[in-house]
Amino acid sequence: MIPHYYRSEEDLLEEAFRIVIRNKPKIRIELALELYKNKKASLAKSAEIAGLTTIEFKEILADRGIKREIEGDEIPEIDKKIKEVFG
């Protein structure tokens, strides 16, 4: 039975998920780690989701042996920018 202030079971489940994530930091960190490992979120976004600084999140990655992906432009894009600047 769904309380009357939820429009649907989906709304109820979404609210329950938000409450759990908000109140359980370990679950929030695990979620952020999974998003990062599966390349669904950047390092900065994952740290934000975890409720940590990027430095703290990097430390957790290192502690767990999770290799960090270096974010940035691809080599051809860098070469293009160099040619644009230096001719």
PDB file of N, CA and C in Angstrom:
ATOM      1  N   MET A   1       0.847  -1.188   0.000  1.00  0.00           N
ATOM      2  CA  MET A   1       0.000   0.000   0.000  1.00  0.00           C
ATOM      3  C   MET A   1       0.890   1.249   0.000  1.00  0.00           C
ATOM      4  N   ILE A   2       0.632   2.130  -0.927  1.00  0.00           N
ATOM      5  CA  ILE A   2       1.431   3.340  -1.101  1.00  0.00           C
ATOM      6  C   ILE A   2       0.755   4.493  -0.357  1.00  0.00           C
ATOM      7  N   PRO A   3       1.534   5.212   0.497  1.00  0.00           N
ATOM      8  CA  PRO A   3       0.948   6.386   1.164  1.00  0.00           C
ATOM      9  C   PRO A   3       0.399   7.366   0.132  1.00  0.00           C
ATOM     10  N   HIS A   4      -0.645   8.075   0.481  1.00  0.00           N
ATOM     11  CA  HIS A   4      -1.345   8.949  -0.468  1.00  0.00           C
ATOM     12  C   HIS A   4      -0.509  10.103  -1.006  1.00  0.00           C
ATOM     13  N   TYR A   5       0.554  10.486  -0.309  1.00  0.00           N
ATOM     14  CA  TYR A   5       1.352  11.622  -0.784  1.00  0.00           C
ATOM     15  C   TYR A   5       2.391  11.217  -1.831  1.00  0.00           C
ATOM     16  N   TYR A   6       2.453   9.949  -2.218  1.00  0.00           N
ATOM     17  CA  TYR A   6       3.273   9.506  -3.346  1.00  0.00           C
ATOM     18  C   TYR A   6       2.350   9.182  -4.508  1.00  0.00           C
ATOM     19  N   ARG A   7       2.724   9.676  -5.670  1.00  0.00           N
ATOM     20  CA  ARG A   7       1.889   9.446  -6.854  1.00  0.00           C
ATOM     21  C   ARG A   7       1.953   8.004  -7.351  1.00  0.00           C
ATOM     22  N   SER A   8       3.108   7.365  -7.099  1.00  0.00           N
ATOM     23  CA  SER A   8       3.265   6.010  -7.602  1.00  0.00           C
ATOM     24  C   SER A   8       4.266   5.249  -6.733  1.00  0.00           C
ATOM     25  N   GLU A   9       4.339   3.965  -6.968  1.00  0.00           N
ATOM     26  CA  GLU A   9       5.324   3.135  -6.262  1.00  0.00           C
ATOM     27  C   GLU A   9       6.736   3.585  -6.641  1.00  0.00           C
ATOM     28  N   GLU A  10       6.912   3.992  -7.883  1.00  0.00           N
ATOM     29  CA  GLU A  10       8.221   4.475  -8.339  1.00  0.00           C
ATOM     30  C   GLU A  10       8.651   5.706  -7.546  1.00  0.00           C
ATOM     31  N   ASP A  11       7.731   6.650  -7.315  1.00  0.00           N
ATOM     32  CA  ASP A  11       8.045   7.841  -6.518  1.00  0.00           C
ATOM     33  C   ASP A  11       8.441   7.456  -5.095  1.00  0.00           C
ATOM     34  N   LEU A  12       7.734   6.506  -4.531  1.00  0.00           N
ATOM     35  CA  LEU A  12       8.045   6.021  -3.187  1.00  0.00           C
ATOM     36  C   LEU A  12       9.442   5.411  -3.139  1.00  0.00           C
ATOM     37  N   LEU A  13       9.772   4.584  -4.119  1.00  0.00           N
ATOM     38  CA  LEU A  13      11.078   3.940  -4.158  1.00  0.00           C
ATOM     39  C   LEU A  13      12.203   4.950  -4.379  1.00  0.00           C
ATOM     40  N   GLU A  14      11.963   5.940  -5.223  1.00  0.00           N
ATOM     41  CA  GLU A  14      12.968   6.986  -5.447  1.00  0.00           C
ATOM     42  C   GLU A  14      13.252   7.749  -4.157  1.00  0.00           C
ATOM     43  N   GLU A  15      12.217   8.090  -3.420  1.00  0.00           N
ATOM     44  CA  GLU A  15      12.384   8.796  -2.148  1.00  0.00           C
ATOM     45  C   GLU A  15      13.124   7.914  -1.140  1.00  0.00           C
ATOM     46  N   ALA A  16      12.775   6.642  -1.079  1.00  0.00           N
ATOM     47  CA  ALA A  16      13.454   5.715  -0.166  1.00  0.00           C
ATOM     48  C   ALA A  16      14.940   5.622  -0.521  1.00  0.00           C
ATOM     49  N   PHE A  17      15.252   5.551  -1.811  1.00  0.00           N
ATOM     50  CA  PHE A  17      16.638   5.488  -2.262  1.00  0.00           C
ATOM     51  C   PHE A  17      17.394   6.751  -1.854  1.00  0.00           C
ATOM     52  N   ARG A  18      16.784   7.917  -2.063  1.00  0.00           N
ATOM     53  CA  ARG A  18      17.423   9.182  -1.681  1.00  0.00           C
ATOM     54  C   ARG A  18      17.702   9.229  -0.186  1.00  0.00           C
ATOM     55  N   ILE A  19      16.776   8.762   0.622  1.00  0.00           N
ATOM     56  CA  ILE A  19      16.952   8.780   2.079  1.00  0.00           C
ATOM     57  C   ILE A  19      18.110   7.866   2.485  1.00  0.00           C
ATOM     58  N   VAL A  20      18.158   6.686   1.902  1.00  0.00           N
ATOM     59  CA  VAL A  20      19.243   5.749   2.237  1.00  0.00           C
ATOM     60  C   VAL A  20      20.589   6.337   1.838  1.00  0.00           C
ATOM     61  N   ILE A  21      20.671   6.857   0.624  1.00  0.00           N
ATOM     62  CA  ILE A  21      21.929   7.431   0.133  1.00  0.00           C
ATOM     63  C   ILE A  21      22.356   8.620   1.004  1.00  0.00           C
ATOM     64  N   ARG A  22      21.419   9.459   1.378  1.00  0.00           N
ATOM     65  CA  ARG A  22      21.720  10.636   2.183  1.00  0.00           C
ATOM     66  C   ARG A  22      22.223  10.261   3.576  1.00  0.00           C
ATOM     67  N   ASN A  23      21.674   9.203   4.146  1.00  0.00           N
ATOM     68  CA  ASN A  23      21.964   8.864   5.537  1.00  0.00           C
ATOM     69  C   ASN A  23      22.994   7.763   5.731  1.00  0.00           C
ATOM     70  N   LYS A  24      23.467   7.178   4.668  1.00  0.00           N
ATOM     71  CA  LYS A  24      24.448   6.088   4.766  1.00  0.00           C
ATOM     72  C   LYS A  24      25.680   6.434   3.924  1.00  0.00           C
ATOM     73  N   PRO A  25      26.644   7.131   4.523  1.00  0.00           N
ATOM     74  CA  PRO A  25      27.830   7.553   3.767  1.00  0.00           C
ATOM     75  C   PRO A  25      28.570   6.404   3.087  1.00  0.00           C
ATOM     76  N   LYS A  26      28.632   5.234   3.718  1.00  0.00           N
ATOM     77  CA  LYS A  26      29.349   4.115   3.104  1.00  0.00           C
ATOM     78  C   LYS A  26      28.682   3.688   1.798  1.00  0.00           C
ATOM     79  N   ILE A  27      27.363   3.703   1.776  1.00  0.00           N
ATOM     80  CA  ILE A  27      26.642   3.342   0.549  1.00  0.00           C
ATOM     81  C   ILE A  27      26.878   4.399  -0.522  1.00  0.00           C
ATOM     82  N   ARG A  28      26.894   5.663  -0.106  1.00  0.00           N
ATOM     83  CA  ARG A  28      27.149   6.759  -1.045  1.00  0.00           C
ATOM     84  C   ARG A  28      28.536   6.597  -1.680  1.00  0.00           C
ATOM     85  N   ILE A  29      29.518   6.237  -0.863  1.00  0.00           N
ATOM     86  CA  ILE A  29      30.881   6.047  -1.373  1.00  0.00           C
ATOM     87  C   ILE A  29      30.929   4.867  -2.337  1.00  0.00           C
ATOM     88  N   GLU A  30      30.285   3.770  -1.976  1.00  0.00           N
ATOM     89  CA  GLU A  30      30.270   2.598  -2.854  1.00  0.00           C
ATOM     90  C   GLU A  30      29.607   2.925  -4.193  1.00  0.00           C
ATOM     91  N   LEU A  31      28.519   3.671  -4.151  1.00  0.00           N
ATOM     92  CA  LEU A  31      27.844   4.083  -5.376  1.00  0.00           C
ATOM     93  C   LEU A  31      28.783   4.931  -6.233  1.00  0.00           C
ATOM     94  N   ALA A  32      29.448   5.884  -5.610  1.00  0.00           N
ATOM     95  CA  ALA A  32      30.378   6.754  -6.335  1.00  0.00           C
ATOM     96  C   ALA A  32      31.521   5.944  -6.947  1.00  0.00           C
ATOM     97  N   LEU A  33      32.032   4.972  -6.209  1.00  0.00           N
ATOM     98  CA  LEU A  33      33.105   4.126  -6.733  1.00  0.00           C
ATOM     99  C   LEU A  33      32.643   3.331  -7.952  1.00  0.00           C
ATOM    100  N   GLU A  34      31.461   2.779  -7.875  1.00  0.00           N
ATOM    101  CA  GLU A  34      30.931   2.019  -9.007  1.00  0.00           C
ATOM    102  C   GLU A  34      30.720   2.907 -10.223  1.00  0.00           C
ATOM    103  N   LEU A  35      30.188   4.102 -10.004  1.00  0.00           N
ATOM    104  CA  LEU A  35      29.992   5.031 -11.119  1.00  0.00           C
ATOM    105  C   LEU A  35      31.327   5.391 -11.763  1.00  0.00           C
ATOM    106  N   TYR A  36      32.338   5.618 -10.920  1.00  0.00           N
ATOM    107  CA  TYR A  36      33.656   5.975 -11.433  1.00  0.00           C
ATOM    108  C   TYR A  36      34.284   4.800 -12.188  1.00  0.00           C
ATOM    109  N   LYS A  37      34.254   3.601 -11.591  1.00  0.00           N
ATOM    110  CA  LYS A  37      34.858   2.428 -12.227  1.00  0.00           C
ATOM    111  C   LYS A  37      34.208   2.113 -13.561  1.00  0.00           C
ATOM    112  N   ASN A  38      32.915   2.356 -13.675  1.00  0.00           N
ATOM    113  CA  ASN A  38      32.188   2.070 -14.910  1.00  0.00           C
ATOM    114  C   ASN A  38      32.149   3.259 -15.861  1.00  0.00           C
ATOM    115  N   LYS A  39      32.949   4.284 -15.546  1.00  0.00           N
ATOM    116  CA  LYS A  39      33.086   5.486 -16.381  1.00  0.00           C
ATOM    117  C   LYS A  39      31.757   6.194 -16.619  1.00  0.00           C
ATOM    118  N   LYS A  40      30.899   6.159 -15.605  1.00  0.00           N
ATOM    119  CA  LYS A  40      29.612   6.843 -15.675  1.00  0.00           C
ATOM    120  C   LYS A  40      29.696   8.222 -15.034  1.00  0.00           C
ATOM    121  N   ALA A  41      30.791   8.465 -14.290  1.00  0.00           N
ATOM    122  CA  ALA A  41      30.991   9.763 -13.634  1.00  0.00           C
ATOM    123  C   ALA A  41      32.489  10.053 -13.584  1.00  0.00           C
ATOM    124  N   SER A  42      32.818  11.319 -13.691  1.00  0.00           N
ATOM    125  CA  SER A  42      34.219  11.743 -13.616  1.00  0.00           C
ATOM    126  C   SER A  42      34.716  11.629 -12.171  1.00  0.00           C
ATOM    127  N   LEU A  43      36.002  11.828 -11.998  1.00  0.00           N
ATOM    128  CA  LEU A  43      36.583  11.816 -10.654  1.00  0.00           C
ATOM    129  C   LEU A  43      35.924  12.870  -9.777  1.00  0.00           C
ATOM    130  N   ALA A  44      35.808  14.081 -10.291  1.00  0.00           N
ATOM    131  CA  ALA A  44      35.220  15.178  -9.503  1.00  0.00           C
ATOM    132  C   ALA A  44      33.751  14.898  -9.172  1.00  0.00           C
ATOM    133  N   LYS A  45      32.999  14.418 -10.141  1.00  0.00           N
ATOM    134  CA  LYS A  45      31.584  14.123  -9.912  1.00  0.00           C
ATOM    135  C   LYS A  45      31.429  12.967  -8.924  1.00  0.00           C
ATOM    136  N   SER A  46      32.261  11.947  -9.051  1.00  0.00           N
ATOM    137  CA  SER A  46      32.207  10.817  -8.130  1.00  0.00           C
ATOM    138  C   SER A  46      32.527  11.255  -6.702  1.00  0.00           C
ATOM    139  N   ALA A  47      33.523  12.116  -6.559  1.00  0.00           N
ATOM    140  CA  ALA A  47      33.859  12.633  -5.234  1.00  0.00           C
ATOM    141  C   ALA A  47      32.679  13.410  -4.652  1.00  0.00           C
ATOM    142  N   GLU A  48      32.043  14.211  -5.488  1.00  0.00           N
ATOM    143  CA  GLU A  48      30.874  14.975  -5.051  1.00  0.00           C
ATOM    144  C   GLU A  48      29.752  14.039  -4.597  1.00  0.00           C
ATOM    145  N   ILE A  49      29.483  13.000  -5.370  1.00  0.00           N
ATOM    146  CA  ILE A  49      28.446  12.037  -5.011  1.00  0.00           C
ATOM    147  C   ILE A  49      28.780  11.382  -3.676  1.00  0.00           C
ATOM    148  N   ALA A  50      30.066  11.051  -3.484  1.00  0.00           N
ATOM    149  CA  ALA A  50      30.510  10.397  -2.254  1.00  0.00           C
ATOM    150  C   ALA A  50      30.484  11.347  -1.056  1.00  0.00           C
ATOM    151  N   GLY A  51      30.397  12.647  -1.330  1.00  0.00           N
ATOM    152  CA  GLY A  51      30.428  13.629  -0.241  1.00  0.00           C
ATOM    153  C   GLY A  51      31.839  13.869   0.269  1.00  0.00           C
ATOM    154  N   LEU A  52      32.806  13.694  -0.635  1.00  0.00           N
ATOM    155  CA  LEU A  52      34.216  13.829  -0.277  1.00  0.00           C
ATOM    156  C   LEU A  52      34.892  14.856  -1.167  1.00  0.00           C
ATOM    157  N   THR A  53      36.082  15.276  -0.746  1.00  0.00           N
ATOM    158  CA  THR A  53      36.897  16.096  -1.640  1.00  0.00           C
ATOM    159  C   THR A  53      37.521  15.173  -2.678  1.00  0.00           C
ATOM    160  N   THR A  54      38.028  15.747  -3.758  1.00  0.00           N
ATOM    161  CA  THR A  54      38.668  14.901  -4.766  1.00  0.00           C
ATOM    162  C   THR A  54      39.907  14.221  -4.185  1.00  0.00           C
ATOM    163  N   ILE A  55      40.607  14.890  -3.305  1.00  0.00           N
ATOM    164  CA  ILE A  55      41.792  14.297  -2.675  1.00  0.00           C
ATOM    165  C   ILE A  55      41.385  13.088  -1.828  1.00  0.00           C
ATOM    166  N   GLU A  56      40.325  13.230  -1.041  1.00  0.00           N
ATOM    167  CA  GLU A  56      39.849  12.107  -0.231  1.00  0.00           C
ATOM    168  C   GLU A  56      39.397  10.941  -1.117  1.00  0.00           C
ATOM    169  N   PHE A  57      38.710  11.266  -2.211  1.00  0.00           N
ATOM    170  CA  PHE A  57      38.236  10.224  -3.116  1.00  0.00           C
ATOM    171  C   PHE A  57      39.416   9.515  -3.780  1.00  0.00           C
ATOM    172  N   LYS A  58      40.440  10.271  -4.163  1.00  0.00           N
ATOM    173  CA  LYS A  58      41.644   9.671  -4.740  1.00  0.00           C
ATOM    174  C   LYS A  58      42.295   8.706  -3.750  1.00  0.00           C
ATOM    175  N   GLU A  59      42.306   9.071  -2.479  1.00  0.00           N
ATOM    176  CA  GLU A  59      42.890   8.202  -1.452  1.00  0.00           C
ATOM    177  C   GLU A  59      42.117   6.887  -1.343  1.00  0.00           C
ATOM    178  N   ILE A  60      40.798   6.963  -1.423  1.00  0.00           N
ATOM    179  CA  ILE A  60      39.983   5.740  -1.378  1.00  0.00           C
ATOM    180  C   ILE A  60      40.267   4.879  -2.600  1.00  0.00           C
ATOM    181  N   LEU A  61      40.373   5.508  -3.764  1.00  0.00           N
ATOM    182  CA  LEU A  61      40.713   4.751  -4.975  1.00  0.00           C
ATOM    183  C   LEU A  61      42.042   4.025  -4.791  1.00  0.00           C
ATOM    184  N   ALA A  62      43.036   4.731  -4.276  1.00  0.00           N
ATOM    185  CA  ALA A  62      44.359   4.128  -4.064  1.00  0.00           C
ATOM    186  C   ALA A  62      44.292   2.998  -3.039  1.00  0.00           C
ATOM    187  N   ASP A  63      43.581   3.227  -1.946  1.00  0.00           N
ATOM    188  CA  ASP A  63      43.446   2.200  -0.897  1.00  0.00           C
ATOM    189  C   ASP A  63      42.803   0.925  -1.437  1.00  0.00           C
ATOM    190  N   ARG A  64      41.904   1.088  -2.379  1.00  0.00           N
ATOM    191  CA  ARG A  64      41.180  -0.063  -2.941  1.00  0.00           C
ATOM    192  C   ARG A  64      41.851  -0.636  -4.191  1.00  0.00           C
ATOM    193  N   GLY A  65      42.961  -0.020  -4.580  1.00  0.00           N
ATOM    194  CA  GLY A  65      43.683  -0.502  -5.750  1.00  0.00           C
ATOM    195  C   GLY A  65      42.974  -0.219  -7.061  1.00  0.00           C
ATOM    196  N   ILE A  66      42.147   0.810  -7.070  1.00  0.00           N
ATOM    197  CA  ILE A  66      41.415   1.188  -8.284  1.00  0.00           C
ATOM    198  C   ILE A  66      42.262   2.203  -9.049  1.00  0.00           C
ATOM    199  N   LYS A  67      42.599   1.844 -10.269  1.00  0.00           N
ATOM    200  CA  LYS A  67      43.431   2.710 -11.100  1.00  0.00           C
ATOM    201  C   LYS A  67      42.635   3.926 -11.539  1.00  0.00           C
ATOM    202  N   ARG A  68      43.257   5.090 -11.385  1.00  0.00           N
ATOM    203  CA  ARG A  68      42.599   6.320 -11.819  1.00  0.00           C
ATOM    204  C   ARG A  68      42.797   6.511 -13.313  1.00  0.00           C
ATOM    205  N   GLU A  69      41.748   6.987 -13.943  1.00  0.00           N
ATOM    206  CA  GLU A  69      41.820   7.348 -15.357  1.00  0.00           C
ATOM    207  C   GLU A  69      42.215   8.818 -15.422  1.00  0.00           C
ATOM    208  N   ILE A  70      43.202   9.102 -16.224  1.00  0.00           N
ATOM    209  CA  ILE A  70      43.617  10.487 -16.407  1.00  0.00           C
ATOM    210  C   ILE A  70      42.678  11.102 -17.437  1.00  0.00           C
ATOM    211  N   GLU A  71      42.028  12.159 -17.018  1.00  0.00           N
ATOM    212  CA  GLU A  71      41.057  12.809 -17.890  1.00  0.00           C
ATOM    213  C   GLU A  71      41.738  13.928 -18.660  1.00  0.00           C
ATOM    214  N   GLY A  72      41.385  14.050 -19.904  1.00  0.00           N
ATOM    215  CA  GLY A  72      41.949  15.113 -20.716  1.00  0.00           C
ATOM    216  C   GLY A  72      41.696  14.851 -22.184  1.00  0.00           C
ATOM    217  N   ASP A  73      42.221  15.740 -22.991  1.00  0.00           N
ATOM    218  CA  ASP A  73      42.044  15.622 -24.431  1.00  0.00           C
ATOM    219  C   ASP A  73      42.837  14.436 -24.974  1.00  0.00           C
ATOM    220  N   GLU A  74      42.362  13.894 -26.060  1.00  0.00           N
ATOM    221  CA  GLU A  74      43.058  12.830 -26.773  1.00  0.00           C
ATOM    222  C   GLU A  74      44.256  13.431 -27.507  1.00  0.00           C
ATOM    223  N   ILE A  75      45.250  12.604 -27.806  1.00  0.00           N
ATOM    224  CA  ILE A  75      46.482  13.057 -28.461  1.00  0.00           C
ATOM    225  C   ILE A  75      46.211  13.816 -29.758  1.00  0.00           C
ATOM    226  N   PRO A  76      45.362  13.321 -30.663  1.00  0.00           N
ATOM    227  CA  PRO A  76      45.116  14.090 -31.901  1.00  0.00           C
ATOM    228  C   PRO A  76      44.545  15.489 -31.615  1.00  0.00           C
ATOM    229  N   GLU A  77      43.703  15.598 -30.594  1.00  0.00           N
ATOM    230  CA  GLU A  77      43.138  16.906 -30.248  1.00  0.00           C
ATOM    231  C   GLU A  77      44.222  17.839 -29.713  1.00  0.00           C
ATOM    232  N   ILE A  78      45.135  17.308 -28.915  1.00  0.00           N
ATOM    233  CA  ILE A  78      46.250  18.107 -28.392  1.00  0.00           C
ATOM    234  C   ILE A  78      47.135  18.562 -29.543  1.00  0.00           C
ATOM    235  N   ASP A  79      47.459  17.634 -30.469  1.00  0.00           N
ATOM    236  CA  ASP A  79      48.287  17.986 -31.631  1.00  0.00           C
ATOM    237  C   ASP A  79      47.631  19.103 -32.442  1.00  0.00           C
ATOM    238  N   LYS A  80      46.326  19.016 -32.640  1.00  0.00           N
ATOM    239  CA  LYS A  80      45.592  20.037 -33.382  1.00  0.00           C
ATOM    240  C   LYS A  80      45.721  21.407 -32.705  1.00  0.00           C
ATOM    241  N   LYS A  81      45.569  21.434 -31.385  1.00  0.00           N
ATOM    242  CA  LYS A  81      45.671  22.699 -30.656  1.00  0.00           C
ATOM    243  C   LYS A  81      47.075  23.279 -30.734  1.00  0.00           C
ATOM    244  N   ILE A  82      48.084  22.413 -30.676  1.00  0.00           N
ATOM    245  CA  ILE A  82      49.479  22.877 -30.792  1.00  0.00           C
ATOM    246  C   ILE A  82      49.714  23.512 -32.152  1.00  0.00           C
ATOM    247  N   LYS A  83      49.207  22.863 -33.214  1.00  0.00           N
ATOM    248  CA  LYS A  83      49.365  23.410 -34.565  1.00  0.00           C
ATOM    249  C   LYS A  83      48.655  24.731 -34.710  1.00  0.00           C
ATOM    250  N   GLU A  84      47.478  24.860 -34.071  1.00  0.00           N
ATOM    251  CA  GLU A  84      46.740  26.124 -34.134  1.00  0.00           C
ATOM    252  C   GLU A  84      47.513  27.263 -33.466  1.00  0.00           C
ATOM    253  N   VAL A  85      48.170  26.961 -32.376  1.00  0.00           N
ATOM    254  CA  VAL A  85      48.900  27.985 -31.627  1.00  0.00           C
ATOM    255  C   VAL A  85      50.235  28.313 -32.277  1.00  0.00           C
ATOM    256  N   PHE A  86      50.967  27.272 -32.671  1.00  0.00           N
ATOM    257  CA  PHE A  86      52.336  27.483 -33.159  1.00  0.00           C
ATOM    258  C   PHE A  86      52.482  27.397 -34.673  1.00  0.00           C
ATOM    259  N   GLY A  87      51.407  27.064 -35.348  1.00  0.00           N
ATOM    260  CA  GLY A  87      51.434  27.035 -36.804  1.00  0.00           C
ATOM    261  C   GLY A  87      51.980  25.824 -37.431  1.00  0.00           C
TER     262      GLY A  87
END
